[in-house]
């Protein structure tokens, strides 16, 4: 049984001739850190610049820092969700942050339409939404694990819970749960 992604959302995400830019917001929560890491990029892995600096974005009162990364589409079948995240290691601090990250860290991925943020930036080189942002897609309760840091990039495996399994590791079969199969 495949997971259901709304047809309009899937068409919008896969459309090559789409007119609206989609922003990808990542929130990485590591139990060893006081605050989660919040980063944002355009869905194609690019970031925009203003005043010679990467543009940051405010979302729900939190500041997301512009960082180029390449998010892969999550799998959408009967198995647990999985994908790969690749981050260019263009700064030593990025390498250090990922190197000491607890394995696994929690991950939340939000896709929003960029039309809610005006072109102007504030003193933090950030854009604040002028209207309520339109969430296109949300993937929550994911795990970031198997971090591999190379000389030029960091790659991580994104995984999710296996919702087809019961807590004891057994599937809800007709023999175990006859009331579900009436």
Protein backbone atom coordinates (compact mmCIF):
# COMPACT_ATOMS: atom_id res chain seq x y z
CA UNK A 1 0.00 0.00 0.00
CA UNK A 2 1.68 3.21 -1.16
CA UNK A 3 1.69 6.37 0.93
CA UNK A 4 -0.62 9.03 -0.42
CA UNK A 5 0.87 12.32 -1.60
CA UNK A 6 -1.72 14.76 -2.85
CA UNK A 7 -1.77 14.72 -6.69
CA UNK A 8 -1.63 18.52 -6.91
CA UNK A 9 1.47 18.62 -4.67
CA UNK A 10 3.23 15.87 -6.60
CA UNK A 11 2.45 17.53 -9.94
CA UNK A 12 3.70 20.88 -8.64
CA UNK A 13 6.95 19.41 -7.27
CA UNK A 14 7.69 17.42 -10.43
CA UNK A 15 6.68 20.06 -12.98
CA UNK A 16 9.75 21.28 -14.94
CA UNK A 17 7.97 24.40 -16.20
CA UNK A 18 6.69 25.60 -12.84
CA UNK A 19 6.62 29.36 -12.45
CA UNK A 20 6.87 29.58 -8.67
CA UNK A 21 10.05 28.98 -6.72
CA UNK A 22 9.87 26.48 -3.85
CA UNK A 23 12.03 26.94 -0.73
CA UNK A 24 13.23 23.92 1.23
CA UNK A 25 13.54 24.50 5.00
CA UNK A 26 15.46 21.93 7.08
CA UNK A 27 15.37 21.71 10.86
CA UNK A 28 17.97 19.35 12.37
CA UNK A 29 17.55 18.63 16.08
CA UNK A 30 20.60 17.11 17.76
CA UNK A 31 20.21 16.07 21.43
CA UNK A 32 23.74 17.28 22.20
CA UNK A 33 22.95 20.86 21.10
CA UNK A 34 20.84 23.53 22.79
CA UNK A 35 19.19 24.81 19.62
CA UNK A 36 18.34 23.04 16.38
CA UNK A 37 20.18 23.87 13.16
CA UNK A 38 17.89 25.64 10.71
CA UNK A 39 18.89 26.01 7.06
CA UNK A 40 17.10 26.94 3.85
CA UNK A 41 17.80 26.71 0.14
CA UNK A 42 15.92 26.74 -3.13
CA UNK A 43 14.68 23.32 -4.15
CA UNK A 44 17.36 22.99 -6.85
CA UNK A 45 20.10 23.34 -4.22
CA UNK A 46 20.92 26.99 -4.92
CA UNK A 47 20.81 29.95 -2.57
CA UNK A 48 20.22 33.62 -3.34
CA UNK A 49 22.62 36.39 -2.41
CA UNK A 50 22.15 40.02 -1.37
CA UNK A 51 24.88 42.42 -0.24
CA UNK A 52 27.46 39.71 -1.00
CA UNK A 53 25.96 37.35 1.61
CA UNK A 54 23.58 34.39 1.46
CA UNK A 55 19.98 35.40 2.07
CA UNK A 56 18.43 34.03 5.26
CA UNK A 57 14.69 33.54 5.86
CA UNK A 58 12.40 33.91 8.86
CA UNK A 59 9.74 31.23 9.32
CA UNK A 60 7.47 31.09 12.39
CA UNK A 61 9.81 33.46 14.25
CA UNK A 62 12.92 31.31 13.66
CA UNK A 63 15.85 32.37 11.49
CA UNK A 64 16.86 29.86 8.80
CA UNK A 65 20.33 30.37 7.34
CA UNK A 66 20.93 30.17 3.60
CA UNK A 67 23.04 27.08 2.91
CA UNK A 68 23.34 25.26 -0.39
CA UNK A 69 22.36 21.61 -0.11
CA UNK A 70 20.85 19.02 -2.38
CA UNK A 71 17.81 17.32 -0.89
CA UNK A 72 16.76 14.12 -2.60
CA UNK A 73 13.07 13.28 -2.94
CA UNK A 74 11.89 10.90 -0.26
CA UNK A 75 10.86 7.43 -1.35
CA UNK A 76 7.11 6.92 -1.28
CA UNK A 77 6.34 3.23 -1.21
CA UNK A 78 5.60 0.51 1.33
CA UNK A 79 9.05 0.62 2.87
CA UNK A 80 10.25 3.23 5.39
CA UNK A 81 10.97 6.65 3.86
CA UNK A 82 14.59 7.12 2.76
CA UNK A 83 16.72 9.57 0.79
CA UNK A 84 20.16 11.19 0.78
CA UNK A 85 21.10 14.74 1.73
CA UNK A 86 24.30 16.27 0.33
CA UNK A 87 25.82 19.46 1.76
CA UNK A 88 28.88 21.16 0.22
CA UNK A 89 31.60 21.53 2.87
CA UNK A 90 32.65 25.03 1.88
CA UNK A 91 33.24 26.15 5.47
CA UNK A 92 35.07 24.45 8.37
CA UNK A 93 32.16 25.15 10.77
CA UNK A 94 29.79 23.09 8.63
CA UNK A 95 32.18 20.12 8.74
CA UNK A 96 32.58 20.45 12.51
CA UNK A 97 28.83 20.67 13.12
CA UNK A 98 28.14 17.47 11.20
CA UNK A 99 31.18 15.66 12.59
CA UNK A 100 30.05 15.96 16.23
CA UNK A 101 26.37 15.41 15.48
CA UNK A 102 24.72 12.65 17.48
CA UNK A 103 23.70 9.70 15.34
CA UNK A 104 20.78 9.76 14.56
CA UNK A 105 19.56 13.36 14.72
CA UNK A 106 15.91 14.35 14.14
CA UNK A 107 15.07 16.01 10.82
CA UNK A 108 12.07 17.97 9.56
CA UNK A 109 11.75 19.09 5.92
CA UNK A 110 9.30 21.82 4.88
CA UNK A 111 8.64 23.03 1.35
CA UNK A 112 7.10 26.51 1.03
CA UNK A 113 6.19 28.70 -1.92
CA UNK A 114 8.69 31.58 -2.08
CA UNK A 115 6.00 34.11 -3.03
CA UNK A 116 5.28 34.84 0.67
CA UNK A 117 8.72 36.44 1.14
CA UNK A 118 9.35 39.86 -0.43
CA UNK A 119 12.58 40.60 -2.30
CA UNK A 120 13.79 43.11 0.34
CA UNK A 121 16.14 41.98 3.12
CA UNK A 122 16.52 43.39 6.64
CA UNK A 123 19.64 44.15 8.71
CA UNK A 124 20.25 40.40 9.27
CA UNK A 125 20.26 39.91 5.48
CA UNK A 126 17.02 37.99 5.97
CA UNK A 127 13.59 37.99 4.40
CA UNK A 128 10.48 38.05 6.59
CA UNK A 129 7.21 36.72 5.12
CA UNK A 130 4.74 39.45 4.21
CA UNK A 131 1.83 36.99 4.13
CA UNK A 132 1.22 33.60 5.70
CA UNK A 133 3.56 31.20 3.86
CA UNK A 134 1.88 28.49 1.81
CA UNK A 135 3.28 25.10 2.86
CA UNK A 136 3.56 22.85 -0.15
CA UNK A 137 4.84 19.73 1.59
CA UNK A 138 6.00 18.55 5.03
CA UNK A 139 8.10 15.52 5.96
CA UNK A 140 8.43 15.23 9.73
CA UNK A 141 9.73 12.67 12.22
CA UNK A 142 12.70 11.74 10.04
CA UNK A 143 16.21 10.72 11.10
CA UNK A 144 19.56 11.94 9.80
CA UNK A 145 22.18 9.20 10.09
CA UNK A 146 25.28 7.67 8.53
CA UNK A 147 27.05 10.98 8.12
CA UNK A 148 30.07 10.78 5.80
CA UNK A 149 32.29 13.87 5.62
CA UNK A 150 34.60 14.08 2.64
CA UNK A 151 36.92 16.82 1.47
CA UNK A 152 34.31 18.67 -0.58
CA UNK A 153 30.93 17.52 0.68
CA UNK A 154 29.02 15.87 3.48
CA UNK A 155 26.42 13.22 2.73
CA UNK A 156 23.83 11.90 5.15
CA UNK A 157 21.18 9.27 4.92
CA UNK A 158 17.64 10.40 5.65
CA UNK A 159 15.35 7.75 7.07
CA UNK A 160 11.97 7.50 8.68
CA UNK A 161 9.98 5.25 10.94
CA UNK A 162 8.68 2.03 9.47
CA UNK A 163 4.96 2.57 10.00
CA UNK A 164 4.17 -0.84 8.52
CA UNK A 165 5.66 -2.49 11.60
CA UNK A 166 4.14 -2.79 15.04
CA UNK A 167 6.26 -1.88 18.08
CA UNK A 168 7.17 -5.54 18.59
CA UNK A 169 8.41 -5.84 15.01
CA UNK A 170 5.47 -7.91 13.81
CA UNK A 171 3.18 -6.98 10.96
CA UNK A 172 -0.55 -6.63 11.56
CA UNK A 173 -1.53 -9.81 9.74
CA UNK A 174 -4.92 -11.49 9.57
CA UNK A 175 -3.81 -14.17 12.06
CA UNK A 176 -2.49 -11.65 14.64
CA UNK A 177 -5.32 -9.08 14.26
CA UNK A 178 -8.44 -10.82 12.92
CA UNK A 179 -10.70 -7.85 13.83
CA UNK A 180 -8.85 -5.66 11.33
CA UNK A 181 -9.71 -8.05 8.48
CA UNK A 182 -13.50 -8.42 8.67
